[in-house]
PDB file of N, CA and C in Angstrom:
ATOM      1  N   UNK A   1     136.298  53.822  10.465  1.00  0.00           N
ATOM      2  CA  UNK A   1     135.677  53.131  11.566  1.00  0.00           C
ATOM      3  C   UNK A   1     134.771  54.112  12.308  1.00  0.00           C
ATOM      4  N   UNK A   2     133.527  53.754  12.479  1.00  0.00           N
ATOM      5  CA  UNK A   2     132.549  54.624  13.134  1.00  0.00           C
ATOM      6  C   UNK A   2     132.647  54.475  14.646  1.00  0.00           C
ATOM      7  N   UNK A   3     132.567  55.606  15.337  1.00  0.00           N
ATOM      8  CA  UNK A   3     132.594  55.567  16.789  1.00  0.00           C
ATOM      9  C   UNK A   3     131.178  55.370  17.303  1.00  0.00           C
ATOM     10  N   UNK A   4     131.029  54.648  18.389  1.00  0.00           N
ATOM     11  CA  UNK A   4     129.684  54.447  18.931  1.00  0.00           C
ATOM     12  C   UNK A   4     129.122  55.763  19.464  1.00  0.00           C
ATOM     13  N   UNK A   5     127.838  55.969  19.277  1.00  0.00           N
ATOM     14  CA  UNK A   5     127.205  57.205  19.746  1.00  0.00           C
ATOM     15  C   UNK A   5     126.851  57.127  21.214  1.00  0.00           C
ATOM     16  N   UNK A   6     126.633  55.924  21.723  1.00  0.00           N
ATOM     17  CA  UNK A   6     126.341  55.787  23.149  1.00  0.00           C
ATOM     18  C   UNK A   6     127.129  54.616  23.710  1.00  0.00           C
ATOM     19  N   UNK A   7     127.663  54.762  24.910  1.00  0.00           N
ATOM     20  CA  UNK A   7     128.451  53.685  25.492  1.00  0.00           C
ATOM     21  C   UNK A   7     127.580  52.497  25.869  1.00  0.00           C
ATOM     22  N   UNK A   8     128.197  51.357  25.995  1.00  0.00           N
ATOM     23  CA  UNK A   8     127.457  50.157  26.363  1.00  0.00           C
ATOM     24  C   UNK A   8     127.017  50.244  27.814  1.00  0.00           C
ATOM     25  N   UNK A   9     125.926  49.566  28.166  1.00  0.00           N
ATOM     26  CA  UNK A   9     125.426  49.651  29.539  1.00  0.00           C
ATOM     27  C   UNK A   9     126.410  49.106  30.576  1.00  0.00           C
ATOM     28  N   UNK A  10     127.305  48.198  30.173  1.00  0.00           N
ATOM     29  CA  UNK A  10     128.250  47.636  31.130  1.00  0.00           C
ATOM     30  C   UNK A  10     129.604  48.363  31.087  1.00  0.00           C
ATOM     31  N   UNK A  11     129.591  49.601  30.673  1.00  0.00           N
ATOM     32  CA  UNK A  11     130.801  50.418  30.617  1.00  0.00           C
ATOM     33  C   UNK A  11     131.291  50.666  32.051  1.00  0.00           C
ATOM     34  N   UNK A  12     132.546  50.306  32.363  1.00  0.00           N
ATOM     35  CA  UNK A  12     133.018  50.484  33.741  1.00  0.00           C
ATOM     36  C   UNK A  12     133.083  51.946  34.185  1.00  0.00           C
ATOM     37  N   UNK A  13     133.303  52.857  33.253  1.00  0.00           N
ATOM     38  CA  UNK A  13     133.343  54.277  33.609  1.00  0.00           C
ATOM     39  C   UNK A  13     131.950  54.748  34.036  1.00  0.00           C
ATOM     40  N   UNK A  14     130.931  54.333  33.286  1.00  0.00           N
ATOM     41  CA  UNK A  14     129.565  54.717  33.649  1.00  0.00           C
ATOM     42  C   UNK A  14     129.134  54.063  34.955  1.00  0.00           C
ATOM     43  N   UNK A  15     129.578  52.819  35.176  1.00  0.00           N
ATOM     44  CA  UNK A  15     129.237  52.140  36.422  1.00  0.00           C
ATOM     45  C   UNK A  15     129.880  52.860  37.612  1.00  0.00           C
ATOM     46  N   UNK A  16     131.130  53.264  37.457  1.00  0.00           N
ATOM     47  CA  UNK A  16     131.819  53.990  38.532  1.00  0.00           C
ATOM     48  C   UNK A  16     131.177  55.352  38.759  1.00  0.00           C
ATOM     49  N   UNK A  17     130.782  56.007  37.685  1.00  0.00           N
ATOM     50  CA  UNK A  17     130.127  57.314  37.811  1.00  0.00           C
ATOM     51  C   UNK A  17     128.790  57.173  38.535  1.00  0.00           C
ATOM     52  N   UNK A  18     128.041  56.122  38.229  1.00  0.00           N
ATOM     53  CA  UNK A  18     126.766  55.882  38.912  1.00  0.00           C
ATOM     54  C   UNK A  18     126.995  55.601  40.392  1.00  0.00           C
ATOM     55  N   UNK A  19     128.054  54.875  40.698  1.00  0.00           N
ATOM     56  CA  UNK A  19     128.379  54.588  42.094  1.00  0.00           C
ATOM     57  C   UNK A  19     128.754  55.878  42.830  1.00  0.00           C
ATOM     58  N   UNK A  20     129.515  56.741  42.185  1.00  0.00           N
ATOM     59  CA  UNK A  20     129.896  58.021  42.805  1.00  0.00           C
ATOM     60  C   UNK A  20     128.677  58.924  42.983  1.00  0.00           C
ATOM     61  N   UNK A  21     127.758  58.897  42.012  1.00  0.00           N
ATOM     62  CA  UNK A  21     126.532  59.698  42.122  1.00  0.00           C
ATOM     63  C   UNK A  21     125.700  59.233  43.323  1.00  0.00           C
ATOM     64  N   UNK A  22     125.594  57.916  43.498  1.00  0.00           N
ATOM     65  CA  UNK A  22     124.848  57.366  44.631  1.00  0.00           C
ATOM     66  C   UNK A  22     125.537  57.710  45.944  1.00  0.00           C
ATOM     67  N   UNK A  23     126.857  57.660  45.968  1.00  0.00           N
ATOM     68  CA  UNK A  23     127.617  58.011  47.165  1.00  0.00           C
ATOM     69  C   UNK A  23     127.423  59.486  47.518  1.00  0.00           C
ATOM     70  N   UNK A  24     127.435  60.347  46.518  1.00  0.00           N
ATOM     71  CA  UNK A  24     127.222  61.776  46.755  1.00  0.00           C
ATOM     72  C   UNK A  24     125.818  62.033  47.294  1.00  0.00           C
ATOM     73  N   UNK A  25     124.840  61.353  46.736  1.00  0.00           N
ATOM     74  CA  UNK A  25     123.459  61.521  47.191  1.00  0.00           C
ATOM     75  C   UNK A  25     123.297  61.060  48.635  1.00  0.00           C
ATOM     76  N   UNK A  26     123.895  59.933  48.964  1.00  0.00           N
ATOM     77  CA  UNK A  26     123.829  59.432  50.329  1.00  0.00           C
ATOM     78  C   UNK A  26     124.539  60.385  51.289  1.00  0.00           C
ATOM     79  N   UNK A  27     125.685  60.893  50.882  1.00  0.00           N
ATOM     80  CA  UNK A  27     126.421  61.839  51.719  1.00  0.00           C
ATOM     81  C   UNK A  27     125.629  63.112  51.965  1.00  0.00           C
ATOM     82  N   UNK A  28     124.945  63.596  50.946  1.00  0.00           N
ATOM     83  CA  UNK A  28     124.131  64.795  51.130  1.00  0.00           C
ATOM     84  C   UNK A  28     122.989  64.536  52.099  1.00  0.00           C
ATOM     85  N   UNK A  29     122.369  63.376  51.981  1.00  0.00           N
ATOM     86  CA  UNK A  29     121.286  63.042  52.914  1.00  0.00           C
ATOM     87  C   UNK A  29     121.800  62.974  54.343  1.00  0.00           C
ATOM     88  N   UNK A  30     122.953  62.348  54.537  1.00  0.00           N
ATOM     89  CA  UNK A  30     123.526  62.232  55.876  1.00  0.00           C
ATOM     90  C   UNK A  30     123.898  63.612  56.422  1.00  0.00           C
ATOM     91  N   UNK A  31     124.499  64.459  55.593  1.00  0.00           N
ATOM     92  CA  UNK A  31     124.884  65.797  56.031  1.00  0.00           C
ATOM     93  C   UNK A  31     123.690  66.637  56.440  1.00  0.00           C
ATOM     94  N   UNK A  32     122.649  66.632  55.619  1.00  0.00           N
ATOM     95  CA  UNK A  32     121.457  67.408  55.954  1.00  0.00           C
ATOM     96  C   UNK A  32     120.727  66.818  57.155  1.00  0.00           C
ATOM     97  N   UNK A  33     120.764  65.494  57.298  1.00  0.00           N
ATOM     98  CA  UNK A  33     120.156  64.868  58.469  1.00  0.00           C
ATOM     99  C   UNK A  33     120.886  65.283  59.745  1.00  0.00           C
ATOM    100  N   UNK A  34     122.206  65.348  59.679  1.00  0.00           N
ATOM    101  CA  UNK A  34     122.979  65.798  60.842  1.00  0.00           C
ATOM    102  C   UNK A  34     122.602  67.227  61.212  1.00  0.00           C
ATOM    103  N   UNK A  35     122.415  68.100  60.222  1.00  0.00           N
ATOM    104  CA  UNK A  35     121.976  69.472  60.495  1.00  0.00           C
ATOM    105  C   UNK A  35     120.590  69.484  61.148  1.00  0.00           C
ATOM    106  N   UNK A  36     119.689  68.646  60.651  1.00  0.00           N
ATOM    107  CA  UNK A  36     118.328  68.603  61.189  1.00  0.00           C
ATOM    108  C   UNK A  36     118.335  68.127  62.640  1.00  0.00           C
ATOM    109  N   UNK A  37     119.110  67.092  62.926  1.00  0.00           N
ATOM    110  CA  UNK A  37     119.188  66.591  64.296  1.00  0.00           C
ATOM    111  C   UNK A  37     119.819  67.645  65.205  1.00  0.00           C
ATOM    112  N   UNK A  38     120.841  68.340  64.734  1.00  0.00           N
ATOM    113  CA  UNK A  38     121.467  69.398  65.537  1.00  0.00           C
ATOM    114  C   UNK A  38     120.460  70.511  65.830  1.00  0.00           C
ATOM    115  N   UNK A  39     119.631  70.832  64.849  1.00  0.00           N
ATOM    116  CA  UNK A  39     118.614  71.869  65.056  1.00  0.00           C
ATOM    117  C   UNK A  39     117.594  71.434  66.094  1.00  0.00           C
ATOM    118  N   UNK A  40     117.145  70.194  66.010  1.00  0.00           N
ATOM    119  CA  UNK A  40     116.190  69.677  67.000  1.00  0.00           C
ATOM    120  C   UNK A  40     116.814  69.702  68.390  1.00  0.00           C
ATOM    121  N   UNK A  41     118.063  69.260  68.489  1.00  0.00           N
ATOM    122  CA  UNK A  41     118.740  69.280  69.788  1.00  0.00           C
ATOM    123  C   UNK A  41     118.909  70.702  70.316  1.00  0.00           C
ATOM    124  N   UNK A  42     119.135  71.658  69.434  1.00  0.00           N
ATOM    125  CA  UNK A  42     119.245  73.055  69.852  1.00  0.00           C
ATOM    126  C   UNK A  42     117.941  73.523  70.496  1.00  0.00           C
ATOM    127  N   UNK A  43     116.817  73.209  69.846  1.00  0.00           N
ATOM    128  CA  UNK A  43     115.537  73.626  70.407  1.00  0.00           C
ATOM    129  C   UNK A  43     115.204  72.869  71.695  1.00  0.00           C
ATOM    130  N   UNK A  44     115.634  71.615  71.781  1.00  0.00           N
ATOM    131  CA  UNK A  44     115.475  70.877  73.037  1.00  0.00           C
ATOM    132  C   UNK A  44     116.279  71.574  74.132  1.00  0.00           C
ATOM    133  N   UNK A  45     117.488  71.987  73.809  1.00  0.00           N
ATOM    134  CA  UNK A  45     118.317  72.698  74.783  1.00  0.00           C
ATOM    135  C   UNK A  45     117.735  74.038  75.181  1.00  0.00           C
ATOM    136  N   UNK A  46     117.122  74.722  74.231  1.00  0.00           N
ATOM    137  CA  UNK A  46     116.489  76.007  74.552  1.00  0.00           C
ATOM    138  C   UNK A  46     115.268  75.817  75.449  1.00  0.00           C
ATOM    139  N   UNK A  47     114.536  74.727  75.236  1.00  0.00           N
ATOM    140  CA  UNK A  47     113.336  74.470  76.022  1.00  0.00           C
ATOM    141  C   UNK A  47     113.678  73.977  77.419  1.00  0.00           C
ATOM    142  N   UNK A  48     114.789  73.284  77.545  1.00  0.00           N
ATOM    143  CA  UNK A  48     115.200  72.768  78.856  1.00  0.00           C
ATOM    144  C   UNK A  48     116.434  73.545  79.299  1.00  0.00           C
ATOM    145  N   UNK A  49     117.418  72.849  79.735  1.00  0.00           N
ATOM    146  CA  UNK A  49     118.693  73.519  80.061  1.00  0.00           C
ATOM    147  C   UNK A  49     119.798  72.800  79.294  1.00  0.00           C
ATOM    148  N   UNK A  50     120.718  73.591  78.780  1.00  0.00           N
ATOM    149  CA  UNK A  50     121.822  73.019  78.017  1.00  0.00           C
ATOM    150  C   UNK A  50     122.766  72.276  78.959  1.00  0.00           C
ATOM    151  N   UNK A  51     122.973  71.007  78.681  1.00  0.00           N
ATOM    152  CA  UNK A  51     123.992  70.268  79.427  1.00  0.00           C
ATOM    153  C   UNK A  51     125.250  70.224  78.563  1.00  0.00           C
ATOM    154  N   UNK A  52     126.350  69.861  79.175  1.00  0.00           N
ATOM    155  CA  UNK A  52     127.605  69.772  78.426  1.00  0.00           C
ATOM    156  C   UNK A  52     127.524  68.739  77.311  1.00  0.00           C
ATOM    157  N   UNK A  53     126.832  67.648  77.574  1.00  0.00           N
ATOM    158  CA  UNK A  53     126.687  66.589  76.573  1.00  0.00           C
ATOM    159  C   UNK A  53     125.859  67.075  75.386  1.00  0.00           C
ATOM    160  N   UNK A  54     124.816  67.820  75.673  1.00  0.00           N
ATOM    161  CA  UNK A  54     123.958  68.326  74.601  1.00  0.00           C
ATOM    162  C   UNK A  54     124.714  69.319  73.720  1.00  0.00           C
ATOM    163  N   UNK A  55     125.468  70.193  74.339  1.00  0.00           N
ATOM    164  CA  UNK A  55     126.266  71.162  73.579  1.00  0.00           C
ATOM    165  C   UNK A  55     127.309  70.437  72.738  1.00  0.00           C
ATOM    166  N   UNK A  56     127.955  69.425  73.314  1.00  0.00           N
ATOM    167  CA  UNK A  56     128.950  68.642  72.579  1.00  0.00           C
ATOM    168  C   UNK A  56     128.306  67.939  71.390  1.00  0.00           C
ATOM    169  N   UNK A  57     127.114  67.357  71.598  1.00  0.00           N
ATOM    170  CA  UNK A  57     126.428  66.640  70.521  1.00  0.00           C
ATOM    171  C   UNK A  57     126.053  67.589  69.385  1.00  0.00           C
ATOM    172  N   UNK A  58     125.552  68.764  69.719  1.00  0.00           N
ATOM    173  CA  UNK A  58     125.187  69.752  68.694  1.00  0.00           C
ATOM    174  C   UNK A  58     126.420  70.161  67.897  1.00  0.00           C
ATOM    175  N   UNK A  59     127.501  70.454  68.596  1.00  0.00           N
ATOM    176  CA  UNK A  59     128.739  70.844  67.914  1.00  0.00           C
ATOM    177  C   UNK A  59     129.277  69.733  67.027  1.00  0.00           C
ATOM    178  N   UNK A  60     129.268  68.504  67.525  1.00  0.00           N
ATOM    179  CA  UNK A  60     129.766  67.376  66.743  1.00  0.00           C
ATOM    180  C   UNK A  60     128.913  67.147  65.502  1.00  0.00           C
ATOM    181  N   UNK A  61     127.591  67.257  65.652  1.00  0.00           N
ATOM    182  CA  UNK A  61     126.704  67.082  64.494  1.00  0.00           C
ATOM    183  C   UNK A  61     126.917  68.181  63.456  1.00  0.00           C
ATOM    184  N   UNK A  62     127.106  69.418  63.906  1.00  0.00           N
ATOM    185  CA  UNK A  62     127.334  70.508  62.961  1.00  0.00           C
ATOM    186  C   UNK A  62     128.669  70.355  62.231  1.00  0.00           C
ATOM    187  N   UNK A  63     129.710  70.001  62.959  1.00  0.00           N
ATOM    188  CA  UNK A  63     131.024  69.832  62.332  1.00  0.00           C
ATOM    189  C   UNK A  63     131.036  68.613  61.420  1.00  0.00           C
ATOM    190  N   UNK A  64     130.539  67.488  61.927  1.00  0.00           N
ATOM    191  CA  UNK A  64     130.496  66.273  61.111  1.00  0.00           C
ATOM    192  C   UNK A  64     129.615  66.435  59.886  1.00  0.00           C
ATOM    193  N   UNK A  65     128.446  67.041  60.065  1.00  0.00           N
ATOM    194  CA  UNK A  65     127.549  67.274  58.935  1.00  0.00           C
ATOM    195  C   UNK A  65     128.171  68.180  57.896  1.00  0.00           C
ATOM    196  N   UNK A  66     128.913  69.195  58.345  1.00  0.00           N
ATOM    197  CA  UNK A  66     129.570  70.119  57.414  1.00  0.00           C
ATOM    198  C   UNK A  66     130.634  69.410  56.586  1.00  0.00           C
ATOM    199  N   UNK A  67     131.412  68.562  57.239  1.00  0.00           N
ATOM    200  CA  UNK A  67     132.468  67.839  56.516  1.00  0.00           C
ATOM    201  C   UNK A  67     131.862  66.881  55.500  1.00  0.00           C
ATOM    202  N   UNK A  68     130.890  66.084  55.940  1.00  0.00           N
ATOM    203  CA  UNK A  68     130.261  65.113  55.043  1.00  0.00           C
ATOM    204  C   UNK A  68     129.566  65.825  53.892  1.00  0.00           C
ATOM    205  N   UNK A  69     128.860  66.889  54.197  1.00  0.00           N
ATOM    206  CA  UNK A  69     128.118  67.613  53.169  1.00  0.00           C
ATOM    207  C   UNK A  69     129.048  68.289  52.167  1.00  0.00           C
ATOM    208  N   UNK A  70     130.140  68.854  52.633  1.00  0.00           N
ATOM    209  CA  UNK A  70     131.085  69.507  51.714  1.00  0.00           C
ATOM    210  C   UNK A  70     131.671  68.507  50.727  1.00  0.00           C
ATOM    211  N   UNK A  71     132.067  67.347  51.224  1.00  0.00           N
ATOM    212  CA  UNK A  71     132.630  66.320  50.340  1.00  0.00           C
ATOM    213  C   UNK A  71     131.572  65.811  49.361  1.00  0.00           C
ATOM    214  N   UNK A  72     130.358  65.585  49.855  1.00  0.00           N
ATOM    215  CA  UNK A  72     129.290  65.063  49.001  1.00  0.00           C
ATOM    216  C   UNK A  72     128.905  66.059  47.906  1.00  0.00           C
ATOM    217  N   UNK A  73     128.845  67.326  48.246  1.00  0.00           N
ATOM    218  CA  UNK A  73     128.496  68.337  47.244  1.00  0.00           C
ATOM    219  C   UNK A  73     129.580  68.418  46.174  1.00  0.00           C
ATOM    220  N   UNK A  74     130.847  68.399  46.592  1.00  0.00           N
ATOM    221  CA  UNK A  74     131.947  68.431  45.622  1.00  0.00           C
ATOM    222  C   UNK A  74     131.930  67.204  44.721  1.00  0.00           C
ATOM    223  N   UNK A  75     131.645  66.045  45.286  1.00  0.00           N
ATOM    224  CA  UNK A  75     131.569  64.821  44.494  1.00  0.00           C
ATOM    225  C   UNK A  75     130.423  64.890  43.495  1.00  0.00           C
ATOM    226  N   UNK A  76     129.298  65.438  43.920  1.00  0.00           N
ATOM    227  CA  UNK A  76     128.158  65.602  43.007  1.00  0.00           C
ATOM    228  C   UNK A  76     128.492  66.529  41.850  1.00  0.00           C
ATOM    229  N   UNK A  77     129.183  67.630  42.138  1.00  0.00           N
ATOM    230  CA  UNK A  77     129.603  68.543  41.073  1.00  0.00           C
ATOM    231  C   UNK A  77     130.604  67.875  40.136  1.00  0.00           C
ATOM    232  N   UNK A  78     131.477  67.053  40.683  1.00  0.00           N
ATOM    233  CA  UNK A  78     132.460  66.360  39.848  1.00  0.00           C
ATOM    234  C   UNK A  78     131.786  65.389  38.896  1.00  0.00           C
ATOM    235  N   UNK A  79     130.795  64.667  39.369  1.00  0.00           N
ATOM    236  CA  UNK A  79     130.069  63.722  38.515  1.00  0.00           C
ATOM    237  C   UNK A  79     129.337  64.477  37.413  1.00  0.00           C
ATOM    238  N   UNK A  80     128.657  65.554  37.770  1.00  0.00           N
ATOM    239  CA  UNK A  80     127.945  66.333  36.743  1.00  0.00           C
ATOM    240  C   UNK A  80     128.911  66.957  35.747  1.00  0.00           C
ATOM    241  N   UNK A  81     130.066  67.403  36.228  1.00  0.00           N
ATOM    242  CA  UNK A  81     131.071  67.972  35.325  1.00  0.00           C
ATOM    243  C   UNK A  81     131.617  66.936  34.364  1.00  0.00           C
ATOM    244  N   UNK A  82     131.839  65.723  34.846  1.00  0.00           N
ATOM    245  CA  UNK A  82     132.317  64.651  33.972  1.00  0.00           C
ATOM    246  C   UNK A  82     131.279  64.308  32.917  1.00  0.00           C
ATOM    247  N   UNK A  83     130.013  64.272  33.310  1.00  0.00           N
ATOM    248  CA  UNK A  83     128.946  63.994  32.340  1.00  0.00           C
ATOM    249  C   UNK A  83     128.869  65.104  31.293  1.00  0.00           C
ATOM    250  N   UNK A  84     128.955  66.340  31.736  1.00  0.00           N
ATOM    251  CA  UNK A  84     128.897  67.472  30.813  1.00  0.00           C
ATOM    252  C   UNK A  84     130.085  67.445  29.850  1.00  0.00           C
ATOM    253  N   UNK A  85     131.260  67.126  30.359  1.00  0.00           N
ATOM    254  CA  UNK A  85     132.454  67.049  29.523  1.00  0.00           C
ATOM    255  C   UNK A  85     132.300  65.948  28.474  1.00  0.00           C
ATOM    256  N   UNK A  86     131.770  64.810  28.886  1.00  0.00           N
ATOM    257  CA  UNK A  86     131.575  63.713  27.948  1.00  0.00           C
ATOM    258  C   UNK A  86     130.546  64.074  26.878  1.00  0.00           C
ATOM    259  N   UNK A  87     129.470  64.715  27.272  1.00  0.00           N
ATOM    260  CA  UNK A  87     128.452  65.137  26.307  1.00  0.00           C
ATOM    261  C   UNK A  87     129.030  66.130  25.305  1.00  0.00           C
ATOM    262  N   UNK A  88     129.844  67.072  25.784  1.00  0.00           N
ATOM    263  CA  UNK A  88     130.474  68.045  24.888  1.00  0.00           C
ATOM    264  C   UNK A  88     131.431  67.361  23.909  1.00  0.00           C
ATOM    265  N   UNK A  89     132.171  66.386  24.401  1.00  0.00           N
ATOM    266  CA  UNK A  89     133.111  65.671  23.536  1.00  0.00           C
ATOM    267  C   UNK A  89     132.365  64.887  22.466  1.00  0.00           C
ATOM    268  N   UNK A  90     131.245  64.261  22.823  1.00  0.00           N
ATOM    269  CA  UNK A  90     130.444  63.510  21.845  1.00  0.00           C
ATOM    270  C   UNK A  90     129.865  64.478  20.823  1.00  0.00           C
ATOM    271  N   UNK A  91     129.354  65.621  21.270  1.00  0.00           N
ATOM    272  CA  UNK A  91     128.784  66.604  20.349  1.00  0.00           C
ATOM    273  C   UNK A  91     129.850  67.147  19.397  1.00  0.00           C
ATOM    274  N   UNK A  92     131.040  67.360  19.909  1.00  0.00           N
ATOM    275  CA  UNK A  92     132.124  67.866  19.075  1.00  0.00           C
ATOM    276  C   UNK A  92     132.510  66.835  18.026  1.00  0.00           C
ATOM    277  N   UNK A  93     132.558  65.558  18.391  1.00  0.00           N
ATOM    278  CA  UNK A  93     132.882  64.512  17.407  1.00  0.00           C
ATOM    279  C   UNK A  93     131.825  64.417  16.326  1.00  0.00           C
ATOM    280  N   UNK A  94     130.580  64.642  16.670  1.00  0.00           N
ATOM    281  CA  UNK A  94     129.489  64.575  15.695  1.00  0.00           C
ATOM    282  C   UNK A  94     129.582  65.720  14.691  1.00  0.00           C
ATOM    283  N   UNK A  95     130.101  66.873  15.142  1.00  0.00           N
ATOM    284  CA  UNK A  95     130.207  68.028  14.242  1.00  0.00           C
ATOM    285  C   UNK A  95     131.293  67.867  13.213  1.00  0.00           C
ATOM    286  N   UNK A  96     132.247  67.007  13.463  1.00  0.00           N
ATOM    287  CA  UNK A  96     133.371  66.850  12.530  1.00  0.00           C
ATOM    288  C   UNK A  96     132.997  66.085  11.311  1.00  0.00           C
TER     289      UNK A  96
END
């Protein structure tokens, strides 16, 4: 019995992987956006006077952005690792 060389387009594993890739991409955008907004607020604070609310907002954006970005980057690496593992497994089966 011959094994298929490429999975079907409606493969649930590939669909889930695509969903995780999109989630990782969105998370990275949100994380970097939080850093950008925190940077803008920092310069606003430097140009004016730092209020307690402004300092709190900068800190919250940096902490929140770091958490979101760390998870998104790890998820992106996991998706790429799964793809690489699958490609290696297919290549190994072809060599046999």
